[in-house]
Amino acid sequence: MTIRLRVVCPDRPGIVAAVSGFLFARGANIVHADQHSTQERFFLRLVATLSDGDSPEGLRAAFEETARRFAMEWSLSQPDPTKPVGLLVSRYDHCLLDLLWRFETGELEGRAALVVSNHPDLAGVAEGHGVPYHHVPVEPGRKGAAEAHMLELLVGRVELVVLARYMQILSPEFLEAVAAPVLNIHHSFLPAFAGGDPYRRALERGVKIIGATAHYVTEELDAGPIVDQDVARVSHRDTVDDLQRIGRDIERVVLARAVKWHLEDRILVDGPRTVVF
């Protein structure tokens, strides 16, 4: 049985020795480990196989004493190919199609449990991949009702929410109530050109690279911890349509990497930033 242990704590001598010694004493075998220190904070992700007769529950209870001793924020998980993921989308289909394909082929751990959209346009796309599609329109003055409906569909049914170009701002109340991390793909290289129509603004500014940013969603718009970013070179010959086409390619890859890393428990969030192993 394989487990994944993630640790964030104040840096001090003996952390690795304590964790590895604890696992050795229980007969576990560490098969992969990554660590990083800022001299103030320490980050650790390791994968181990448990001995016969041990269990994640037993290990979790026994590890509490070590965690308290080092003031650790920690989590213990297992690989899970059935982990349910909710996908939110509006009218742009490129990120949705890419994620559905990656789930189908097993490239992403977990499964696409449902698609929720504020438009009916992509119902055929989701249903063609065997994924339930829910149209939840966001009408003027009725955003609260729409979010309440979305929460009924998501809460307790998904472990991750992915905004695959969902063009609505989620309220703080929704983010608190959904009780699952929310990943977003932003069609610019944050923090540059935050907000709307970034490609036109980038063209007007004469940029030579454009990019996309995957980040966790927080109450502060486009300011959540960044998970991944990428860029492509462009020139004065490119039009807005060219930039959008190039940008779609970047968005697909960046969002897929962020979803993959999250589902594989590779991301450690520490305040406004992330460490990705």
C-alpha atoms as a PDB file:
ATOM      1  CA  MET A   1       0.000   0.000   0.000  1.00  0.00           C
ATOM      2  CA  THR A   2       1.381   3.401  -1.046  1.00  0.00           C
ATOM      3  CA  ILE A   3       1.020   6.621   0.928  1.00  0.00           C
ATOM      4  CA  ARG A   4       2.023  10.225   0.301  1.00  0.00           C
ATOM      5  CA  LEU A   5       3.132  12.423   3.182  1.00  0.00           C
ATOM      6  CA  ARG A   6       3.400  16.200   2.857  1.00  0.00           C
ATOM      7  CA  VAL A   7       4.906  18.399   5.552  1.00  0.00           C
ATOM      8  CA  VAL A   8       5.338  22.156   6.009  1.00  0.00           C
ATOM      9  CA  CYS A   9       6.938  23.407   9.233  1.00  0.00           C
ATOM     10  CA  PRO A  10       9.511  25.791  10.706  1.00  0.00           C
ATOM     11  CA  ASP A  11      12.984  24.733   9.585  1.00  0.00           C
ATOM     12  CA  ARG A  12      15.232  23.137  12.181  1.00  0.00           C
ATOM     13  CA  PRO A  13      17.696  20.244  12.360  1.00  0.00           C
ATOM     14  CA  GLY A  14      16.346  16.727  12.646  1.00  0.00           C
ATOM     15  CA  ILE A  15      13.123  16.901  10.618  1.00  0.00           C
ATOM     16  CA  VAL A  16      14.167  14.435   7.916  1.00  0.00           C
ATOM     17  CA  ALA A  17      15.719  12.137  10.487  1.00  0.00           C
ATOM     18  CA  ALA A  18      12.544  12.178  12.580  1.00  0.00           C
ATOM     19  CA  VAL A  19      10.242  11.436   9.653  1.00  0.00           C
ATOM     20  CA  SER A  20      12.424   8.774   8.058  1.00  0.00           C
ATOM     21  CA  GLY A  21      13.120   7.200  11.456  1.00  0.00           C
ATOM     22  CA  PHE A  22       9.409   7.082  12.216  1.00  0.00           C
ATOM     23  CA  LEU A  23       8.672   5.323   8.926  1.00  0.00           C
ATOM     24  CA  PHE A  24      11.614   2.938   9.334  1.00  0.00           C
ATOM     25  CA  ALA A  25      10.405   1.947  12.786  1.00  0.00           C
ATOM     26  CA  ARG A  26       7.023   1.000  11.283  1.00  0.00           C
ATOM     27  CA  GLY A  27       8.632  -1.033   8.510  1.00  0.00           C
ATOM     28  CA  ALA A  28       7.698   1.424   5.757  1.00  0.00           C
ATOM     29  CA  ASN A  29       9.930   1.879   2.705  1.00  0.00           C
ATOM     30  CA  ILE A  30      10.495   5.377   1.288  1.00  0.00           C
ATOM     31  CA  VAL A  31      10.460   5.139  -2.513  1.00  0.00           C
ATOM     32  CA  HIS A  32      10.585   8.849  -3.362  1.00  0.00           C
ATOM     33  CA  ALA A  33      11.343  12.028  -1.421  1.00  0.00           C
ATOM     34  CA  ASP A  34      11.648  15.757  -2.164  1.00  0.00           C
ATOM     35  CA  GLN A  35      12.513  18.525   0.252  1.00  0.00           C
ATOM     36  CA  HIS A  36      13.157  22.249   0.221  1.00  0.00           C
ATOM     37  CA  SER A  37      14.251  24.754   2.828  1.00  0.00           C
ATOM     38  CA  THR A  38      14.060  28.543   2.836  1.00  0.00           C
ATOM     39  CA  GLN A  39      16.105  28.521   6.058  1.00  0.00           C
ATOM     40  CA  GLU A  40      12.900  29.586   7.814  1.00  0.00           C
ATOM     41  CA  ARG A  41      10.364  27.127   6.412  1.00  0.00           C
ATOM     42  CA  PHE A  42      10.832  23.463   5.542  1.00  0.00           C
ATOM     43  CA  PHE A  43       8.859  21.543   2.890  1.00  0.00           C
ATOM     44  CA  LEU A  44       8.786  17.784   2.431  1.00  0.00           C
ATOM     45  CA  ARG A  45       6.901  15.378   0.182  1.00  0.00           C
ATOM     46  CA  LEU A  46       7.610  11.696   0.278  1.00  0.00           C
ATOM     47  CA  VAL A  47       6.068   8.535  -1.099  1.00  0.00           C
ATOM     48  CA  ALA A  48       6.372   5.300   0.866  1.00  0.00           C
ATOM     49  CA  THR A  49       5.031   1.769   0.829  1.00  0.00           C
ATOM     50  CA  LEU A  50       3.655   0.482   4.116  1.00  0.00           C
ATOM     51  CA  SER A  51       4.544  -2.812   5.719  1.00  0.00           C
ATOM     52  CA  ASP A  52       2.050  -5.661   5.766  1.00  0.00           C
ATOM     53  CA  GLY A  53      -0.429  -5.103   8.543  1.00  0.00           C
ATOM     54  CA  ASP A  54       0.047  -1.316   8.710  1.00  0.00           C
ATOM     55  CA  SER A  55      -2.589   1.096   7.464  1.00  0.00           C
ATOM     56  CA  PRO A  56      -2.841   4.788   6.590  1.00  0.00           C
ATOM     57  CA  GLU A  57      -5.180   5.257   9.540  1.00  0.00           C
ATOM     58  CA  GLY A  58      -2.751   3.667  11.973  1.00  0.00           C
ATOM     59  CA  LEU A  59       0.182   5.603  10.584  1.00  0.00           C
ATOM     60  CA  ARG A  60      -1.764   8.852  10.729  1.00  0.00           C
ATOM     61  CA  ALA A  61      -2.601   8.411  14.405  1.00  0.00           C
ATOM     62  CA  ALA A  62       0.956   7.418  15.301  1.00  0.00           C
ATOM     63  CA  PHE A  63       2.503  10.345  13.428  1.00  0.00           C
ATOM     64  CA  GLU A  64       0.658  12.943  15.517  1.00  0.00           C
ATOM     65  CA  GLU A  65       3.362  13.046  18.186  1.00  0.00           C
ATOM     66  CA  THR A  66       6.136  13.704  15.647  1.00  0.00           C
ATOM     67  CA  ALA A  67       4.020  16.347  13.965  1.00  0.00           C
ATOM     68  CA  ARG A  68       3.412  18.171  17.242  1.00  0.00           C
ATOM     69  CA  ARG A  69       7.102  18.064  18.142  1.00  0.00           C
ATOM     70  CA  PHE A  70       8.061  19.905  14.958  1.00  0.00           C
ATOM     71  CA  ALA A  71       4.927  22.113  14.668  1.00  0.00           C
ATOM     72  CA  MET A  72       4.075  20.516  11.348  1.00  0.00           C
ATOM     73  CA  GLU A  73       1.235  21.241   9.003  1.00  0.00           C
ATOM     74  CA  TRP A  74       0.881  17.886   7.322  1.00  0.00           C
ATOM     75  CA  SER A  75      -1.338  15.601   5.304  1.00  0.00           C
ATOM     76  CA  LEU A  76      -1.339  11.898   4.520  1.00  0.00           C
ATOM     77  CA  SER A  77      -3.019  10.593   1.385  1.00  0.00           C
ATOM     78  CA  GLN A  78      -3.077   7.693  -1.054  1.00  0.00           C
ATOM     79  CA  PRO A  79      -3.102   7.566  -4.860  1.00  0.00           C
ATOM     80  CA  ASP A  80      -6.715   7.348  -5.981  1.00  0.00           C
ATOM     81  CA  PRO A  81      -7.726   6.824  -9.632  1.00  0.00           C
ATOM     82  CA  THR A  82     -11.374   7.429  -8.700  1.00  0.00           C
ATOM     83  CA  LYS A  83     -10.822  10.847  -7.089  1.00  0.00           C
ATOM     84  CA  PRO A  84     -13.762  12.996  -8.324  1.00  0.00           C
ATOM     85  CA  VAL A  85     -13.071  16.344  -9.981  1.00  0.00           C
ATOM     86  CA  GLY A  86     -15.662  18.978 -10.910  1.00  0.00           C
ATOM     87  CA  LEU A  87     -15.064  21.035 -14.062  1.00  0.00           C
ATOM     88  CA  LEU A  88     -16.585  24.493 -14.480  1.00  0.00           C
ATOM     89  CA  VAL A  89     -16.652  26.064 -17.947  1.00  0.00           C
ATOM     90  CA  SER A  90     -18.409  28.790 -19.896  1.00  0.00           C
ATOM     91  CA  ARG A  91     -18.224  28.811 -23.720  1.00  0.00           C
ATOM     92  CA  TYR A  92     -14.509  28.262 -24.478  1.00  0.00           C
ATOM     93  CA  ASP A  93     -13.999  24.533 -24.971  1.00  0.00           C
ATOM     94  CA  HIS A  94     -10.228  24.078 -25.333  1.00  0.00           C
ATOM     95  CA  CYS A  95      -9.342  23.485 -21.681  1.00  0.00           C
ATOM     96  CA  LEU A  96     -12.409  21.316 -21.085  1.00  0.00           C
ATOM     97  CA  LEU A  97     -11.667  19.092 -24.078  1.00  0.00           C
ATOM     98  CA  ASP A  98      -8.042  18.721 -23.041  1.00  0.00           C
ATOM     99  CA  LEU A  99      -8.868  17.740 -19.456  1.00  0.00           C
ATOM    100  CA  LEU A 100     -11.584  15.293 -20.476  1.00  0.00           C
ATOM    101  CA  TRP A 101      -9.146  13.580 -22.847  1.00  0.00           C
ATOM    102  CA  ARG A 102      -6.416  13.404 -20.200  1.00  0.00           C
ATOM    103  CA  PHE A 103      -8.814  11.895 -17.664  1.00  0.00           C
ATOM    104  CA  GLU A 104     -10.027   9.347 -20.219  1.00  0.00           C
ATOM    105  CA  THR A 105      -6.515   8.236 -21.132  1.00  0.00           C
ATOM    106  CA  GLY A 106      -5.416   7.953 -17.501  1.00  0.00           C
ATOM    107  CA  GLU A 107      -2.874  10.752 -17.777  1.00  0.00           C
ATOM    108  CA  LEU A 108      -4.550  12.468 -14.841  1.00  0.00           C
ATOM    109  CA  GLU A 109      -5.158  10.702 -11.560  1.00  0.00           C
ATOM    110  CA  GLY A 110      -8.852  10.770 -10.727  1.00  0.00           C
ATOM    111  CA  ARG A 111     -11.920  11.220 -12.893  1.00  0.00           C
ATOM    112  CA  ALA A 112     -14.081  13.983 -14.303  1.00  0.00           C
ATOM    113  CA  ALA A 113     -17.198  13.626 -12.153  1.00  0.00           C
ATOM    114  CA  LEU A 114     -19.310  16.385 -13.705  1.00  0.00           C
ATOM    115  CA  VAL A 115     -19.234  19.544 -15.776  1.00  0.00           C
ATOM    116  CA  VAL A 116     -21.078  22.678 -14.676  1.00  0.00           C
ATOM    117  CA  SER A 117     -21.564  25.617 -17.035  1.00  0.00           C
ATOM    118  CA  ASN A 118     -23.402  28.895 -17.122  1.00  0.00           C
ATOM    119  CA  HIS A 119     -24.152  28.223 -20.808  1.00  0.00           C
ATOM    120  CA  PRO A 120     -25.685  25.188 -22.574  1.00  0.00           C
ATOM    121  CA  ASP A 121     -23.210  25.236 -25.474  1.00  0.00           C
ATOM    122  CA  LEU A 122     -20.827  22.458 -24.386  1.00  0.00           C
ATOM    123  CA  ALA A 123     -23.338  19.869 -23.229  1.00  0.00           C
ATOM    124  CA  GLY A 124     -22.560  17.656 -26.220  1.00  0.00           C
ATOM    125  CA  VAL A 125     -18.830  17.787 -25.489  1.00  0.00           C
ATOM    126  CA  ALA A 126     -19.233  16.562 -21.912  1.00  0.00           C
ATOM    127  CA  GLU A 127     -21.889  13.986 -22.674  1.00  0.00           C
ATOM    128  CA  GLY A 128     -19.807  12.678 -25.576  1.00  0.00           C
ATOM    129  CA  HIS A 129     -17.164  11.807 -22.983  1.00  0.00           C
ATOM    130  CA  GLY A 130     -19.730  10.223 -20.681  1.00  0.00           C
ATOM    131  CA  VAL A 131     -19.596  13.039 -18.129  1.00  0.00           C
ATOM    132  CA  PRO A 132     -22.818  14.566 -16.693  1.00  0.00           C
ATOM    133  CA  TYR A 133     -23.396  18.185 -17.763  1.00  0.00           C
ATOM    134  CA  HIS A 134     -25.311  20.688 -15.663  1.00  0.00           C
ATOM    135  CA  HIS A 135     -26.426  24.020 -17.083  1.00  0.00           C
ATOM    136  CA  VAL A 136     -26.636  26.576 -14.274  1.00  0.00           C
ATOM    137  CA  PRO A 137     -27.310  30.010 -15.807  1.00  0.00           C
ATOM    138  CA  VAL A 138     -26.110  33.062 -13.917  1.00  0.00           C
ATOM    139  CA  GLU A 139     -28.870  35.583 -14.481  1.00  0.00           C
ATOM    140  CA  PRO A 140     -28.558  39.264 -13.529  1.00  0.00           C
ATOM    141  CA  GLY A 141     -29.408  39.724  -9.879  1.00  0.00           C
ATOM    142  CA  ARG A 142     -29.594  35.956  -9.255  1.00  0.00           C
ATOM    143  CA  LYS A 143     -25.960  35.012  -8.840  1.00  0.00           C
ATOM    144  CA  GLY A 144     -26.571  33.837  -5.284  1.00  0.00           C
ATOM    145  CA  ALA A 145     -29.227  31.387  -6.458  1.00  0.00           C
ATOM    146  CA  ALA A 146     -26.927  30.088  -9.182  1.00  0.00           C
ATOM    147  CA  GLU A 147     -24.086  29.532  -6.730  1.00  0.00           C
ATOM    148  CA  ALA A 148     -26.439  27.771  -4.332  1.00  0.00           C
ATOM    149  CA  HIS A 149     -27.417  25.374  -7.130  1.00  0.00           C
ATOM    150  CA  MET A 150     -23.761  24.803  -7.999  1.00  0.00           C
ATOM    151  CA  LEU A 151     -22.979  24.019  -4.379  1.00  0.00           C
ATOM    152  CA  GLU A 152     -25.739  21.394  -4.364  1.00  0.00           C
ATOM    153  CA  LEU A 153     -24.011  19.738  -7.320  1.00  0.00           C
ATOM    154  CA  LEU A 154     -20.453  19.978  -5.971  1.00  0.00           C
ATOM    155  CA  VAL A 155     -20.331  19.795  -2.182  1.00  0.00           C
ATOM    156  CA  GLY A 156     -19.494  16.322  -0.968  1.00  0.00           C
ATOM    157  CA  ARG A 157     -19.248  15.031  -4.527  1.00  0.00           C
ATOM    158  CA  VAL A 158     -15.864  16.377  -5.679  1.00  0.00           C
ATOM    159  CA  GLU A 159     -12.426  16.766  -4.108  1.00  0.00           C
ATOM    160  CA  LEU A 160     -11.218  19.432  -6.542  1.00  0.00           C
ATOM    161  CA  VAL A 161     -12.951  22.120  -8.588  1.00  0.00           C
ATOM    162  CA  VAL A 162     -11.269  23.247 -11.821  1.00  0.00           C
ATOM    163  CA  LEU A 163     -12.253  26.453 -13.589  1.00  0.00           C
ATOM    164  CA  ALA A 164     -11.578  25.408 -17.186  1.00  0.00           C
ATOM    165  CA  ARG A 165     -12.263  28.935 -18.486  1.00  0.00           C
ATOM    166  CA  TYR A 166     -15.313  29.581 -16.331  1.00  0.00           C
ATOM    167  CA  MET A 167     -15.938  33.264 -16.933  1.00  0.00           C
ATOM    168  CA  GLN A 168     -17.677  34.135 -13.687  1.00  0.00           C
ATOM    169  CA  ILE A 169     -16.216  35.497 -10.451  1.00  0.00           C
ATOM    170  CA  LEU A 170     -16.974  33.173  -7.552  1.00  0.00           C
ATOM    171  CA  SER A 171     -18.114  34.800  -4.321  1.00  0.00           C
ATOM    172  CA  PRO A 172     -16.217  34.404  -1.032  1.00  0.00           C
ATOM    173  CA  GLU A 173     -19.267  32.607   0.337  1.00  0.00           C
ATOM    174  CA  PHE A 174     -19.103  30.047  -2.468  1.00  0.00           C
ATOM    175  CA  LEU A 175     -15.373  29.460  -2.001  1.00  0.00           C
ATOM    176  CA  GLU A 176     -15.880  28.819   1.703  1.00  0.00           C
ATOM    177  CA  ALA A 177     -18.906  26.571   1.253  1.00  0.00           C
ATOM    178  CA  VAL A 178     -17.580  24.416  -1.590  1.00  0.00           C
ATOM    179  CA  ALA A 179     -15.141  22.767   0.845  1.00  0.00           C
ATOM    180  CA  ALA A 180     -12.662  21.797  -1.877  1.00  0.00           C
ATOM    181  CA  PRO A 181      -9.647  23.510  -3.464  1.00  0.00           C
ATOM    182  CA  VAL A 182     -10.462  25.535  -6.589  1.00  0.00           C
ATOM    183  CA  LEU A 183      -7.925  25.795  -9.435  1.00  0.00           C
ATOM    184  CA  ASN A 184      -8.196  28.454 -12.138  1.00  0.00           C
ATOM    185  CA  ILE A 185      -6.449  29.104 -15.433  1.00  0.00           C
ATOM    186  CA  HIS A 186      -5.886  32.795 -16.099  1.00  0.00           C
ATOM    187  CA  HIS A 187      -5.231  33.831 -19.667  1.00  0.00           C
ATOM    188  CA  SER A 188      -2.228  36.006 -18.927  1.00  0.00           C
ATOM    189  CA  PHE A 189       1.094  35.864 -17.155  1.00  0.00           C
ATOM    190  CA  LEU A 190       0.075  37.086 -13.700  1.00  0.00           C
ATOM    191  CA  PRO A 191       0.533  39.531 -12.157  1.00  0.00           C
ATOM    192  CA  ALA A 192       0.887  41.317 -15.522  1.00  0.00           C
ATOM    193  CA  PHE A 193      -2.337  42.234 -17.335  1.00  0.00           C
ATOM    194  CA  ALA A 194      -4.690  40.957 -14.647  1.00  0.00           C
ATOM    195  CA  GLY A 195      -8.367  41.395 -15.388  1.00  0.00           C
ATOM    196  CA  GLY A 196     -10.213  41.351 -18.704  1.00  0.00           C
ATOM    197  CA  ASP A 197      -9.098  41.305 -22.362  1.00  0.00           C
ATOM    198  CA  PRO A 198      -5.394  40.718 -21.595  1.00  0.00           C
ATOM    199  CA  TYR A 199      -4.428  39.812 -25.186  1.00  0.00           C
ATOM    200  CA  ARG A 200      -5.664  43.096 -26.633  1.00  0.00           C
ATOM    201  CA  ARG A 201      -3.950  45.013 -23.852  1.00  0.00           C
ATOM    202  CA  ALA A 202      -0.773  42.987 -24.415  1.00  0.00           C
ATOM    203  CA  LEU A 203      -0.880  43.753 -28.146  1.00  0.00           C
ATOM    204  CA  GLU A 204      -1.384  47.441 -27.485  1.00  0.00           C
ATOM    205  CA  ARG A 205       1.581  47.354 -25.113  1.00  0.00           C
ATOM    206  CA  GLY A 206       3.777  45.610 -27.688  1.00  0.00           C
ATOM    207  CA  VAL A 207       4.728  42.623 -25.552  1.00  0.00           C
ATOM    208  CA  LYS A 208       7.153  40.027 -26.904  1.00  0.00           C
ATOM    209  CA  ILE A 209       5.912  37.138 -24.775  1.00  0.00           C
ATOM    210  CA  ILE A 210       2.450  36.091 -23.661  1.00  0.00           C
ATOM    211  CA  GLY A 211       1.585  33.511 -21.075  1.00  0.00           C
ATOM    212  CA  ALA A 212      -0.949  31.797 -18.854  1.00  0.00           C
ATOM    213  CA  THR A 213      -1.120  31.215 -15.111  1.00  0.00           C
ATOM    214  CA  ALA A 214      -2.724  28.419 -13.109  1.00  0.00           C
ATOM    215  CA  HIS A 215      -3.488  29.410  -9.534  1.00  0.00           C
ATOM    216  CA  TYR A 216      -5.671  28.533  -6.597  1.00  0.00           C
ATOM    217  CA  VAL A 217      -8.725  30.746  -6.255  1.00  0.00           C
ATOM    218  CA  THR A 218      -9.015  32.990  -3.219  1.00  0.00           C
ATOM    219  CA  GLU A 219     -11.282  35.864  -2.299  1.00  0.00           C
ATOM    220  CA  GLU A 220      -8.826  38.311  -3.859  1.00  0.00           C
ATOM    221  CA  LEU A 221      -9.354  38.239  -7.633  1.00  0.00           C
ATOM    222  CA  ASP A 222      -6.490  36.616  -9.587  1.00  0.00           C
ATOM    223  CA  ALA A 223      -4.218  36.760  -6.540  1.00  0.00           C
ATOM    224  CA  GLY A 224      -4.304  33.173  -5.249  1.00  0.00           C
ATOM    225  CA  PRO A 225      -1.137  31.074  -4.870  1.00  0.00           C
ATOM    226  CA  ILE A 226       0.399  30.418  -8.293  1.00  0.00           C
ATOM    227  CA  VAL A 227       0.883  26.764  -9.248  1.00  0.00           C
ATOM    228  CA  ASP A 228       2.268  26.952 -12.794  1.00  0.00           C
ATOM    229  CA  GLN A 229       2.997  29.421 -15.580  1.00  0.00           C
ATOM    230  CA  ASP A 230       4.302  29.297 -19.127  1.00  0.00           C
ATOM    231  CA  VAL A 231       4.997  31.702 -21.971  1.00  0.00           C
ATOM    232  CA  ALA A 232       5.397  31.848 -25.756  1.00  0.00           C
ATOM    233  CA  ARG A 233       7.238  34.366 -27.880  1.00  0.00           C
ATOM    234  CA  VAL A 234       5.181  36.627 -30.148  1.00  0.00           C
ATOM    235  CA  SER A 235       6.001  39.467 -32.505  1.00  0.00           C
ATOM    236  CA  HIS A 236       4.623  42.631 -34.035  1.00  0.00           C
ATOM    237  CA  ARG A 237       3.243  40.516 -36.903  1.00  0.00           C
ATOM    238  CA  ASP A 238       0.807  38.682 -34.624  1.00  0.00           C
ATOM    239  CA  THR A 239      -2.808  39.820 -34.444  1.00  0.00           C
ATOM    240  CA  VAL A 240      -5.155  39.539 -31.475  1.00  0.00           C
ATOM    241  CA  ASP A 241      -6.509  36.331 -33.039  1.00  0.00           C
ATOM    242  CA  ASP A 242      -2.958  34.964 -33.282  1.00  0.00           C
ATOM    243  CA  LEU A 243      -2.314  35.776 -29.651  1.00  0.00           C
ATOM    244  CA  GLN A 244      -5.538  34.119 -28.596  1.00  0.00           C
ATOM    245  CA  ARG A 245      -4.709  30.970 -30.585  1.00  0.00           C
ATOM    246  CA  ILE A 246      -1.210  30.779 -29.110  1.00  0.00           C
ATOM    247  CA  GLY A 247      -2.629  31.555 -25.684  1.00  0.00           C
ATOM    248  CA  ARG A 248      -5.126  28.699 -25.879  1.00  0.00           C
ATOM    249  CA  ASP A 249      -2.285  26.235 -26.371  1.00  0.00           C
ATOM    250  CA  ILE A 250      -0.460  27.600 -23.327  1.00  0.00           C
ATOM    251  CA  GLU A 251      -3.617  27.561 -21.218  1.00  0.00           C
ATOM    252  CA  ARG A 252      -4.292  23.893 -21.991  1.00  0.00           C
ATOM    253  CA  VAL A 253      -0.832  22.749 -20.980  1.00  0.00           C
ATOM    254  CA  VAL A 254      -0.495  24.951 -17.895  1.00  0.00           C
ATOM    255  CA  LEU A 255      -3.903  23.987 -16.517  1.00  0.00           C
ATOM    256  CA  ALA A 256      -3.312  20.286 -17.166  1.00  0.00           C
ATOM    257  CA  ARG A 257       0.015  20.400 -15.340  1.00  0.00           C
ATOM    258  CA  ALA A 258      -1.542  22.176 -12.370  1.00  0.00           C
ATOM    259  CA  VAL A 259      -4.403  19.666 -12.159  1.00  0.00           C
ATOM    260  CA  LYS A 260      -1.958  16.754 -12.443  1.00  0.00           C
ATOM    261  CA  TRP A 261       0.306  18.115  -9.715  1.00  0.00           C
ATOM    262  CA  HIS A 262      -2.628  18.777  -7.394  1.00  0.00           C
ATOM    263  CA  LEU A 263      -4.092  15.307  -7.855  1.00  0.00           C
ATOM    264  CA  GLU A 264      -0.681  13.739  -7.243  1.00  0.00           C
ATOM    265  CA  ASP A 265      -0.294  15.752  -4.015  1.00  0.00           C
ATOM    266  CA  ARG A 266       2.776  17.578  -5.305  1.00  0.00           C
ATOM    267  CA  ILE A 267       1.720  21.085  -4.252  1.00  0.00           C
ATOM    268  CA  LEU A 268       2.428  22.512  -0.813  1.00  0.00           C
ATOM    269  CA  VAL A 269       0.721  25.845  -0.174  1.00  0.00           C
ATOM    270  CA  ASP A 270       2.462  28.211   2.217  1.00  0.00           C
ATOM    271  CA  GLY A 271       0.592  31.492   2.528  1.00  0.00           C
ATOM    272  CA  PRO A 272       0.574  33.335  -0.815  1.00  0.00           C
ATOM    273  CA  ARG A 273       3.016  30.968  -2.545  1.00  0.00           C
ATOM    274  CA  THR A 274       3.427  27.318  -3.427  1.00  0.00           C
ATOM    275  CA  VAL A 275       6.217  24.770  -3.470  1.00  0.00           C
ATOM    276  CA  VAL A 276       5.672  22.216  -6.236  1.00  0.00           C
ATOM    277  CA  PHE A 277       7.610  18.949  -6.092  1.00  0.00           C
END
